[in-house]
Amino acid sequence: MQVASRYDELIVELDRIVIDRAARRAAYGQPVKVGLAEETVADPGLLEHTVRAVRRYHASPWLITFQVAATRQGRRLADRLGACGFRTILSEQE
């Protein structure tokens, strides 16, 4: 059980690093697409982290597109990201 929990934590941390790098690229005017893992979509601090990253690098949120699974939680996150100016793509689960 501890291994699975640690694995989930690592996935979330990696996605946060990707979000930081995406914000940095967007600050230079480059559009970026980021696919988020289901573990990350469930992270309650994700939206706050994402908004902070964009502010830190003075990036335009509309240059970052997040791809999330079209689950109830994914749709909720997509709505919240959209309200902050980010673009989103909902992908159907296989």
PDB file of N, CA and C in Angstrom:
ATOM      1  N   MET A   1       0.818  -1.188   0.000  1.00  0.00           N
ATOM      2  CA  MET A   1       0.000   0.000   0.000  1.00  0.00           C
ATOM      3  C   MET A   1       0.865   1.257   0.000  1.00  0.00           C
ATOM      4  N   GLN A   2       1.949   1.254   0.762  1.00  0.00           N
ATOM      5  CA  GLN A   2       2.827   2.417   0.814  1.00  0.00           C
ATOM      6  C   GLN A   2       3.459   2.693  -0.545  1.00  0.00           C
ATOM      7  N   VAL A   3       3.793   1.642  -1.264  1.00  0.00           N
ATOM      8  CA  VAL A   3       4.409   1.813  -2.578  1.00  0.00           C
ATOM      9  C   VAL A   3       3.435   2.492  -3.534  1.00  0.00           C
ATOM     10  N   ALA A   4       2.190   2.065  -3.541  1.00  0.00           N
ATOM     11  CA  ALA A   4       1.188   2.669  -4.417  1.00  0.00           C
ATOM     12  C   ALA A   4       0.966   4.129  -4.052  1.00  0.00           C
ATOM     13  N   SER A   5       0.919   4.427  -2.781  1.00  0.00           N
ATOM     14  CA  SER A   5       0.731   5.803  -2.332  1.00  0.00           C
ATOM     15  C   SER A   5       1.907   6.670  -2.756  1.00  0.00           C
ATOM     16  N   ARG A   6       3.098   6.168  -2.601  1.00  0.00           N
ATOM     17  CA  ARG A   6       4.308   6.913  -2.995  1.00  0.00           C
ATOM     18  C   ARG A   6       4.329   7.120  -4.510  1.00  0.00           C
ATOM     19  N   TYR A   7       3.901   6.115  -5.249  1.00  0.00           N
ATOM     20  CA  TYR A   7       3.829   6.218  -6.706  1.00  0.00           C
ATOM     21  C   TYR A   7       2.887   7.349  -7.111  1.00  0.00           C
ATOM     22  N   ASP A   8       1.716   7.424  -6.483  1.00  0.00           N
ATOM     23  CA  ASP A   8       0.763   8.492  -6.771  1.00  0.00           C
ATOM     24  C   ASP A   8       1.365   9.860  -6.465  1.00  0.00           C
ATOM     25  N   GLU A   9       2.074   9.956  -5.342  1.00  0.00           N
ATOM     26  CA  GLU A   9       2.717  11.221  -4.973  1.00  0.00           C
ATOM     27  C   GLU A   9       3.754  11.632  -6.018  1.00  0.00           C
ATOM     28  N   LEU A  10       4.509  10.671  -6.520  1.00  0.00           N
ATOM     29  CA  LEU A  10       5.523  10.971  -7.539  1.00  0.00           C
ATOM     30  C   LEU A  10       4.883  11.453  -8.838  1.00  0.00           C
ATOM     31  N   ILE A  11       3.786  10.847  -9.220  1.00  0.00           N
ATOM     32  CA  ILE A  11       3.090  11.260 -10.439  1.00  0.00           C
ATOM     33  C   ILE A  11       2.607  12.703 -10.302  1.00  0.00           C
ATOM     34  N   VAL A  12       2.019  13.022  -9.164  1.00  0.00           N
ATOM     35  CA  VAL A  12       1.537  14.389  -8.933  1.00  0.00           C
ATOM     36  C   VAL A  12       2.706  15.366  -8.959  1.00  0.00           C
ATOM     37  N   GLU A  13       3.805  15.006  -8.312  1.00  0.00           N
ATOM     38  CA  GLU A  13       4.978  15.893  -8.289  1.00  0.00           C
ATOM     39  C   GLU A  13       5.545  16.094  -9.699  1.00  0.00           C
ATOM     40  N   LEU A  14       5.601  15.042 -10.488  1.00  0.00           N
ATOM     41  CA  LEU A  14       6.083  15.176 -11.868  1.00  0.00           C
ATOM     42  C   LEU A  14       5.168  16.081 -12.691  1.00  0.00           C
ATOM     43  N   ASP A  15       3.865  15.910 -12.533  1.00  0.00           N
ATOM     44  CA  ASP A  15       2.938  16.781 -13.266  1.00  0.00           C
ATOM     45  C   ASP A  15       3.086  18.235 -12.829  1.00  0.00           C
ATOM     46  N   ARG A  16       3.363  18.476 -11.559  1.00  0.00           N
ATOM     47  CA  ARG A  16       3.584  19.852 -11.099  1.00  0.00           C
ATOM     48  C   ARG A  16       4.843  20.448 -11.731  1.00  0.00           C
ATOM     49  N   ILE A  17       5.866  19.639 -11.883  1.00  0.00           N
ATOM     50  CA  ILE A  17       7.086  20.111 -12.553  1.00  0.00           C
ATOM     51  C   ILE A  17       6.773  20.449 -14.008  1.00  0.00           C
ATOM     52  N   VAL A  18       5.998  19.602 -14.664  1.00  0.00           N
ATOM     53  CA  VAL A  18       5.605  19.860 -16.051  1.00  0.00           C
ATOM     54  C   VAL A  18       4.790  21.153 -16.140  1.00  0.00           C
ATOM     55  N   ILE A  19       3.900  21.391 -15.194  1.00  0.00           N
ATOM     56  CA  ILE A  19       3.106  22.619 -15.185  1.00  0.00           C
ATOM     57  C   ILE A  19       4.021  23.834 -15.039  1.00  0.00           C
ATOM     58  N   ASP A  20       5.004  23.760 -14.159  1.00  0.00           N
ATOM     59  CA  ASP A  20       5.955  24.864 -13.996  1.00  0.00           C
ATOM     60  C   ASP A  20       6.702  25.142 -15.298  1.00  0.00           C
ATOM     61  N   ARG A  21       7.147  24.093 -15.958  1.00  0.00           N
ATOM     62  CA  ARG A  21       7.871  24.272 -17.225  1.00  0.00           C
ATOM     63  C   ARG A  21       6.951  24.802 -18.315  1.00  0.00           C
ATOM     64  N   ALA A  22       5.712  24.368 -18.302  1.00  0.00           N
ATOM     65  CA  ALA A  22       4.738  24.873 -19.278  1.00  0.00           C
ATOM     66  C   ALA A  22       4.514  26.373 -19.076  1.00  0.00           C
ATOM     67  N   ALA A  23       4.396  26.788 -17.825  1.00  0.00           N
ATOM     68  CA  ALA A  23       4.210  28.215 -17.532  1.00  0.00           C
ATOM     69  C   ALA A  23       5.418  29.018 -17.985  1.00  0.00           C
ATOM     70  N   ARG A  24       6.582  28.473 -17.800  1.00  0.00           N
ATOM     71  CA  ARG A  24       7.809  29.155 -18.233  1.00  0.00           C
ATOM     72  C   ARG A  24       7.825  29.310 -19.753  1.00  0.00           C
ATOM     73  N   ARG A  25       7.451  28.267 -20.477  1.00  0.00           N
ATOM     74  CA  ARG A  25       7.401  28.350 -21.943  1.00  0.00           C
ATOM     75  C   ARG A  25       6.327  29.319 -22.405  1.00  0.00           C
ATOM     76  N   ALA A  26       5.169  29.282 -21.745  1.00  0.00           N
ATOM     77  CA  ALA A  26       4.079  30.193 -22.109  1.00  0.00           C
ATOM     78  C   ALA A  26       4.488  31.650 -21.883  1.00  0.00           C
ATOM     79  N   ALA A  27       5.356  31.887 -20.917  1.00  0.00           N
ATOM     80  CA  ALA A  27       5.837  33.251 -20.661  1.00  0.00           C
ATOM     81  C   ALA A  27       6.589  33.810 -21.859  1.00  0.00           C
ATOM     82  N   TYR A  28       7.128  32.939 -22.683  1.00  0.00           N
ATOM     83  CA  TYR A  28       7.826  33.351 -23.912  1.00  0.00           C
ATOM     84  C   TYR A  28       6.899  33.343 -25.126  1.00  0.00           C
ATOM     85  N   GLY A  29       5.612  33.182 -24.883  1.00  0.00           N
ATOM     86  CA  GLY A  29       4.624  33.227 -25.955  1.00  0.00           C
ATOM     87  C   GLY A  29       4.410  31.919 -26.686  1.00  0.00           C
ATOM     88  N   GLN A  30       4.958  30.833 -26.168  1.00  0.00           N
ATOM     89  CA  GLN A  30       4.811  29.527 -26.809  1.00  0.00           C
ATOM     90  C   GLN A  30       3.584  28.800 -26.262  1.00  0.00           C
ATOM     91  N   PRO A  31       2.663  28.388 -27.136  1.00  0.00           N
ATOM     92  CA  PRO A  31       1.535  27.586 -26.655  1.00  0.00           C
ATOM     93  C   PRO A  31       2.013  26.206 -26.204  1.00  0.00           C
ATOM     94  N   VAL A  32       1.421  25.701 -25.139  1.00  0.00           N
ATOM     95  CA  VAL A  32       1.857  24.442 -24.546  1.00  0.00           C
ATOM     96  C   VAL A  32       0.628  23.586 -24.227  1.00  0.00           C
ATOM     97  N   LYS A  33       0.752  22.284 -24.428  1.00  0.00           N
ATOM     98  CA  LYS A  33      -0.300  21.339 -24.058  1.00  0.00           C
ATOM     99  C   LYS A  33       0.241  20.418 -22.968  1.00  0.00           C
ATOM    100  N   VAL A  34      -0.550  20.243 -21.910  1.00  0.00           N
ATOM    101  CA  VAL A  34      -0.141  19.414 -20.773  1.00  0.00           C
ATOM    102  C   VAL A  34      -1.214  18.365 -20.515  1.00  0.00           C
ATOM    103  N   GLY A  35      -0.826  17.104 -20.542  1.00  0.00           N
ATOM    104  CA  GLY A  35      -1.731  16.024 -20.182  1.00  0.00           C
ATOM    105  C   GLY A  35      -1.590  15.719 -18.703  1.00  0.00           C
ATOM    106  N   LEU A  36      -2.694  15.695 -17.988  1.00  0.00           N
ATOM    107  CA  LEU A  36      -2.650  15.452 -16.551  1.00  0.00           C
ATOM    108  C   LEU A  36      -3.091  14.026 -16.222  1.00  0.00           C
ATOM    109  N   ALA A  37      -2.334  13.390 -15.349  1.00  0.00           N
ATOM    110  CA  ALA A  37      -2.677  12.049 -14.879  1.00  0.00           C
ATOM    111  C   ALA A  37      -3.896  12.131 -13.960  1.00  0.00           C
ATOM    112  N   GLU A  38      -4.629  11.041 -13.860  1.00  0.00           N
ATOM    113  CA  GLU A  38      -5.807  11.005 -12.989  1.00  0.00           C
ATOM    114  C   GLU A  38      -5.450  11.315 -11.538  1.00  0.00           C
ATOM    115  N   GLU A  39      -4.279  10.879 -11.107  1.00  0.00           N
ATOM    116  CA  GLU A  39      -3.840  11.170  -9.741  1.00  0.00           C
ATOM    117  C   GLU A  39      -3.690  12.672  -9.536  1.00  0.00           C
ATOM    118  N   THR A  40      -3.224  13.355 -10.543  1.00  0.00           N
ATOM    119  CA  THR A  40      -3.035  14.803 -10.452  1.00  0.00           C
ATOM    120  C   THR A  40      -4.368  15.533 -10.487  1.00  0.00           C
ATOM    121  N   VAL A  41      -5.288  15.062 -11.301  1.00  0.00           N
ATOM    122  CA  VAL A  41      -6.615  15.674 -11.370  1.00  0.00           C
ATOM    123  C   VAL A  41      -7.277  15.646  -9.992  1.00  0.00           C
ATOM    124  N   ALA A  42      -6.991  14.617  -9.209  1.00  0.00           N
ATOM    125  CA  ALA A  42      -7.578  14.478  -7.875  1.00  0.00           C
ATOM    126  C   ALA A  42      -6.874  15.327  -6.813  1.00  0.00           C
ATOM    127  N   ASP A  43      -5.765  15.948  -7.153  1.00  0.00           N
ATOM    128  CA  ASP A  43      -4.984  16.740  -6.200  1.00  0.00           C
ATOM    129  C   ASP A  43      -5.710  18.045  -5.864  1.00  0.00           C
ATOM    130  N   PRO A  44      -6.122  18.253  -4.606  1.00  0.00           N
ATOM    131  CA  PRO A  44      -6.875  19.453  -4.256  1.00  0.00           C
ATOM    132  C   PRO A  44      -6.076  20.754  -4.395  1.00  0.00           C
ATOM    133  N   GLY A  45      -4.757  20.677  -4.399  1.00  0.00           N
ATOM    134  CA  GLY A  45      -3.932  21.880  -4.522  1.00  0.00           C
ATOM    135  C   GLY A  45      -3.490  22.193  -5.937  1.00  0.00           C
ATOM    136  N   LEU A  46      -3.970  21.424  -6.900  1.00  0.00           N
ATOM    137  CA  LEU A  46      -3.489  21.580  -8.280  1.00  0.00           C
ATOM    138  C   LEU A  46      -3.818  22.947  -8.873  1.00  0.00           C
ATOM    139  N   LEU A  47      -5.036  23.396  -8.733  1.00  0.00           N
ATOM    140  CA  LEU A  47      -5.430  24.667  -9.335  1.00  0.00           C
ATOM    141  C   LEU A  47      -4.610  25.812  -8.756  1.00  0.00           C
ATOM    142  N   GLU A  48      -4.465  25.824  -7.450  1.00  0.00           N
ATOM    143  CA  GLU A  48      -3.673  26.880  -6.805  1.00  0.00           C
ATOM    144  C   GLU A  48      -2.228  26.848  -7.300  1.00  0.00           C
ATOM    145  N   HIS A  49      -1.648  25.660  -7.381  1.00  0.00           N
ATOM    146  CA  HIS A  49      -0.270  25.530  -7.873  1.00  0.00           C
ATOM    147  C   HIS A  49      -0.158  26.063  -9.300  1.00  0.00           C
ATOM    148  N   THR A  50      -1.117  25.728 -10.135  1.00  0.00           N
ATOM    149  CA  THR A  50      -1.093  26.124 -11.538  1.00  0.00           C
ATOM    150  C   THR A  50      -1.190  27.641 -11.682  1.00  0.00           C
ATOM    151  N   VAL A  51      -2.090  28.247 -10.957  1.00  0.00           N
ATOM    152  CA  VAL A  51      -2.252  29.704 -11.016  1.00  0.00           C
ATOM    153  C   VAL A  51      -0.994  30.393 -10.499  1.00  0.00           C
ATOM    154  N   ARG A  52      -0.415  29.880  -9.425  1.00  0.00           N
ATOM    155  CA  ARG A  52       0.832  30.462  -8.903  1.00  0.00           C
ATOM    156  C   ARG A  52       1.964  30.372  -9.918  1.00  0.00           C
ATOM    157  N   ALA A  53       2.064  29.244 -10.618  1.00  0.00           N
ATOM    158  CA  ALA A  53       3.128  29.079 -11.618  1.00  0.00           C
ATOM    159  C   ALA A  53       2.979  30.109 -12.738  1.00  0.00           C
ATOM    160  N   VAL A  54       1.769  30.316 -13.195  1.00  0.00           N
ATOM    161  CA  VAL A  54       1.526  31.283 -14.270  1.00  0.00           C
ATOM    162  C   VAL A  54       1.869  32.699 -13.800  1.00  0.00           C
ATOM    163  N   ARG A  55       1.490  33.014 -12.589  1.00  0.00           N
ATOM    164  CA  ARG A  55       1.817  34.349 -12.046  1.00  0.00           C
ATOM    165  C   ARG A  55       3.314  34.525 -11.853  1.00  0.00           C
ATOM    166  N   ARG A  56       3.970  33.475 -11.356  1.00  0.00           N
ATOM    167  CA  ARG A  56       5.410  33.548 -11.105  1.00  0.00           C
ATOM    168  C   ARG A  56       6.185  33.866 -12.384  1.00  0.00           C
ATOM    169  N   TYR A  57       5.755  33.280 -13.498  1.00  0.00           N
ATOM    170  CA  TYR A  57       6.467  33.485 -14.766  1.00  0.00           C
ATOM    171  C   TYR A  57       5.817  34.545 -15.646  1.00  0.00           C
ATOM    172  N   HIS A  58       4.772  35.187 -15.150  1.00  0.00           N
ATOM    173  CA  HIS A  58       4.061  36.228 -15.915  1.00  0.00           C
ATOM    174  C   HIS A  58       3.604  35.700 -17.267  1.00  0.00           C
ATOM    175  N   ALA A  59       3.025  34.515 -17.242  1.00  0.00           N
ATOM    176  CA  ALA A  59       2.564  33.844 -18.470  1.00  0.00           C
ATOM    177  C   ALA A  59       1.076  34.105 -18.689  1.00  0.00           C
ATOM    178  N   SER A  60       0.647  33.941 -19.918  1.00  0.00           N
ATOM    179  CA  SER A  60      -0.771  34.039 -20.259  1.00  0.00           C
ATOM    180  C   SER A  60      -1.387  32.649 -20.123  1.00  0.00           C
ATOM    181  N   PRO A  61      -2.391  32.503 -19.274  1.00  0.00           N
ATOM    182  CA  PRO A  61      -2.972  31.170 -19.082  1.00  0.00           C
ATOM    183  C   PRO A  61      -3.584  30.593 -20.349  1.00  0.00           C
ATOM    184  N   TRP A  62      -4.074  31.427 -21.249  1.00  0.00           N
ATOM    185  CA  TRP A  62      -4.717  30.907 -22.461  1.00  0.00           C
ATOM    186  C   TRP A  62      -3.717  30.212 -23.390  1.00  0.00           C
ATOM    187  N   LEU A  63      -2.422  30.362 -23.132  1.00  0.00           N
ATOM    188  CA  LEU A  63      -1.416  29.657 -23.934  1.00  0.00           C
ATOM    189  C   LEU A  63      -1.187  28.226 -23.449  1.00  0.00           C
ATOM    190  N   ILE A  64      -1.775  27.874 -22.311  1.00  0.00           N
ATOM    191  CA  ILE A  64      -1.603  26.530 -21.760  1.00  0.00           C
ATOM    192  C   ILE A  64      -2.917  25.765 -21.887  1.00  0.00           C
ATOM    193  N   THR A  65      -2.856  24.623 -22.555  1.00  0.00           N
ATOM    194  CA  THR A  65      -4.015  23.758 -22.721  1.00  0.00           C
ATOM    195  C   THR A  65      -3.794  22.500 -21.894  1.00  0.00           C
ATOM    196  N   PHE A  66      -4.749  22.202 -21.037  1.00  0.00           N
ATOM    197  CA  PHE A  66      -4.680  21.000 -20.213  1.00  0.00           C
ATOM    198  C   PHE A  66      -5.603  19.935 -20.781  1.00  0.00           C
ATOM    199  N   GLN A  67      -5.071  18.728 -20.918  1.00  0.00           N
ATOM    200  CA  GLN A  67      -5.875  17.593 -21.351  1.00  0.00           C
ATOM    201  C   GLN A  67      -6.156  16.724 -20.135  1.00  0.00           C
ATOM    202  N   VAL A  68      -7.446  16.514 -19.857  1.00  0.00           N
ATOM    203  CA  VAL A  68      -7.847  15.707 -18.711  1.00  0.00           C
ATOM    204  C   VAL A  68      -8.886  14.690 -19.143  1.00  0.00           C
ATOM    205  N   ALA A  69      -8.963  13.599 -18.407  1.00  0.00           N
ATOM    206  CA  ALA A  69      -9.955  12.562 -18.699  1.00  0.00           C
ATOM    207  C   ALA A  69     -11.353  13.118 -18.435  1.00  0.00           C
ATOM    208  N   ALA A  70     -12.303  12.697 -19.243  1.00  0.00           N
ATOM    209  CA  ALA A  70     -13.682  13.187 -19.153  1.00  0.00           C
ATOM    210  C   ALA A  70     -14.459  12.463 -18.066  1.00  0.00           C
ATOM    211  N   THR A  71     -13.896  12.454 -16.871  1.00  0.00           N
ATOM    212  CA  THR A  71     -14.583  11.903 -15.709  1.00  0.00           C
ATOM    213  C   THR A  71     -15.288  13.051 -14.991  1.00  0.00           C
ATOM    214  N   ARG A  72     -16.063  12.736 -13.982  1.00  0.00           N
ATOM    215  CA  ARG A  72     -16.737  13.796 -13.218  1.00  0.00           C
ATOM    216  C   ARG A  72     -15.694  14.752 -12.628  1.00  0.00           C
ATOM    217  N   GLN A  73     -14.643  14.181 -12.045  1.00  0.00           N
ATOM    218  CA  GLN A  73     -13.591  14.993 -11.447  1.00  0.00           C
ATOM    219  C   GLN A  73     -12.833  15.786 -12.520  1.00  0.00           C
ATOM    220  N   GLY A  74     -12.580  15.160 -13.662  1.00  0.00           N
ATOM    221  CA  GLY A  74     -11.894  15.836 -14.757  1.00  0.00           C
ATOM    222  C   GLY A  74     -12.703  16.998 -15.310  1.00  0.00           C
ATOM    223  N   ARG A  75     -14.001  16.799 -15.462  1.00  0.00           N
ATOM    224  CA  ARG A  75     -14.871  17.891 -15.946  1.00  0.00           C
ATOM    225  C   ARG A  75     -14.892  19.055 -14.958  1.00  0.00           C
ATOM    226  N   ARG A  76     -14.947  18.733 -13.683  1.00  0.00           N
ATOM    227  CA  ARG A  76     -14.947  19.770 -12.654  1.00  0.00           C
ATOM    228  C   ARG A  76     -13.647  20.576 -12.722  1.00  0.00           C
ATOM    229  N   LEU A  77     -12.516  19.879 -12.838  1.00  0.00           N
ATOM    230  CA  LEU A  77     -11.230  20.572 -12.932  1.00  0.00           C
ATOM    231  C   LEU A  77     -11.165  21.402 -14.210  1.00  0.00           C
ATOM    232  N   ALA A  78     -11.642  20.845 -15.320  1.00  0.00           N
ATOM    233  CA  ALA A  78     -11.630  21.584 -16.596  1.00  0.00           C
ATOM    234  C   ALA A  78     -12.430  22.879 -16.473  1.00  0.00           C
ATOM    235  N   ASP A  79     -13.564  22.825 -15.799  1.00  0.00           N
ATOM    236  CA  ASP A  79     -14.369  24.037 -15.587  1.00  0.00           C
ATOM    237  C   ASP A  79     -13.609  25.061 -14.759  1.00  0.00           C
ATOM    238  N   ARG A  80     -12.955  24.601 -13.718  1.00  0.00           N
ATOM    239  CA  ARG A  80     -12.205  25.515 -12.845  1.00  0.00           C
ATOM    240  C   ARG A  80     -11.003  26.108 -13.568  1.00  0.00           C
ATOM    241  N   LEU A  81     -10.309  25.287 -14.349  1.00  0.00           N
ATOM    242  CA  LEU A  81      -9.179  25.805 -15.125  1.00  0.00           C
ATOM    243  C   LEU A  81      -9.661  26.816 -16.160  1.00  0.00           C
ATOM    244  N   GLY A  82     -10.760  26.499 -16.822  1.00  0.00           N
ATOM    245  CA  GLY A  82     -11.325  27.404 -17.814  1.00  0.00           C
ATOM    246  C   GLY A  82     -11.713  28.740 -17.210  1.00  0.00           C
ATOM    247  N   ALA A  83     -12.246  28.725 -16.001  1.00  0.00           N
ATOM    248  CA  ALA A  83     -12.628  29.966 -15.319  1.00  0.00           C
ATOM    249  C   ALA A  83     -11.407  30.827 -15.001  1.00  0.00           C
ATOM    250  N   CYS A  84     -10.236  30.210 -14.946  1.00  0.00           N
ATOM    251  CA  CYS A  84      -8.988  30.947 -14.695  1.00  0.00           C
ATOM    252  C   CYS A  84      -8.284  31.349 -15.988  1.00  0.00           C
ATOM    253  N   GLY A  85      -8.882  31.031 -17.133  1.00  0.00           N
ATOM    254  CA  GLY A  85      -8.316  31.452 -18.407  1.00  0.00           C
ATOM    255  C   GLY A  85      -7.533  30.402 -19.170  1.00  0.00           C
ATOM    256  N   PHE A  86      -7.411  29.204 -18.598  1.00  0.00           N
ATOM    257  CA  PHE A  86      -6.692  28.130 -19.290  1.00  0.00           C
ATOM    258  C   PHE A  86      -7.615  27.469 -20.304  1.00  0.00           C
ATOM    259  N   ARG A  87      -7.022  26.843 -21.294  1.00  0.00           N
ATOM    260  CA  ARG A  87      -7.784  26.049 -22.244  1.00  0.00           C
ATOM    261  C   ARG A  87      -7.767  24.599 -21.763  1.00  0.00           C
ATOM    262  N   THR A  88      -8.822  23.879 -22.109  1.00  0.00           N
ATOM    263  CA  THR A  88      -8.881  22.475 -21.696  1.00  0.00           C
ATOM    264  C   THR A  88      -9.404  21.596 -22.824  1.00  0.00           C
ATOM    265  N   ILE A  89      -8.981  20.362 -22.780  1.00  0.00           N
ATOM    266  CA  ILE A  89      -9.472  19.326 -23.680  1.00  0.00           C
ATOM    267  C   ILE A  89      -9.877  18.158 -22.800  1.00  0.00           C
ATOM    268  N   LEU A  90     -11.093  17.691 -22.993  1.00  0.00           N
ATOM    269  CA  LEU A  90     -11.550  16.505 -22.273  1.00  0.00           C
ATOM    270  C   LEU A  90     -11.343  15.293 -23.178  1.00  0.00           C
ATOM    271  N   SER A  91     -10.655  14.298 -22.679  1.00  0.00           N
ATOM    272  CA  SER A  91     -10.432  13.089 -23.475  1.00  0.00           C
ATOM    273  C   SER A  91     -11.258  11.952 -22.889  1.00  0.00           C
ATOM    274  N   GLU A  92     -11.872  11.193 -23.774  1.00  0.00           N
ATOM    275  CA  GLU A  92     -12.681  10.049 -23.356  1.00  0.00           C
ATOM    276  C   GLU A  92     -11.756   8.963 -22.829  1.00  0.00           C
ATOM    277  N   GLN A  93     -12.209   8.275 -21.793  1.00  0.00           N
ATOM    278  CA  GLN A  93     -11.426   7.178 -21.241  1.00  0.00           C
ATOM    279  C   GLN A  93     -11.588   5.962 -22.129  1.00  0.00           C
ATOM    280  N   GLU A  94     -10.530   5.175 -22.176  1.00  0.00           N
ATOM    281  CA  GLU A  94     -10.555   3.963 -23.001  1.00  0.00           C
ATOM    282  C   GLU A  94     -10.994   2.773 -22.199  1.00  0.00           C
TER     283      GLU A  94
END
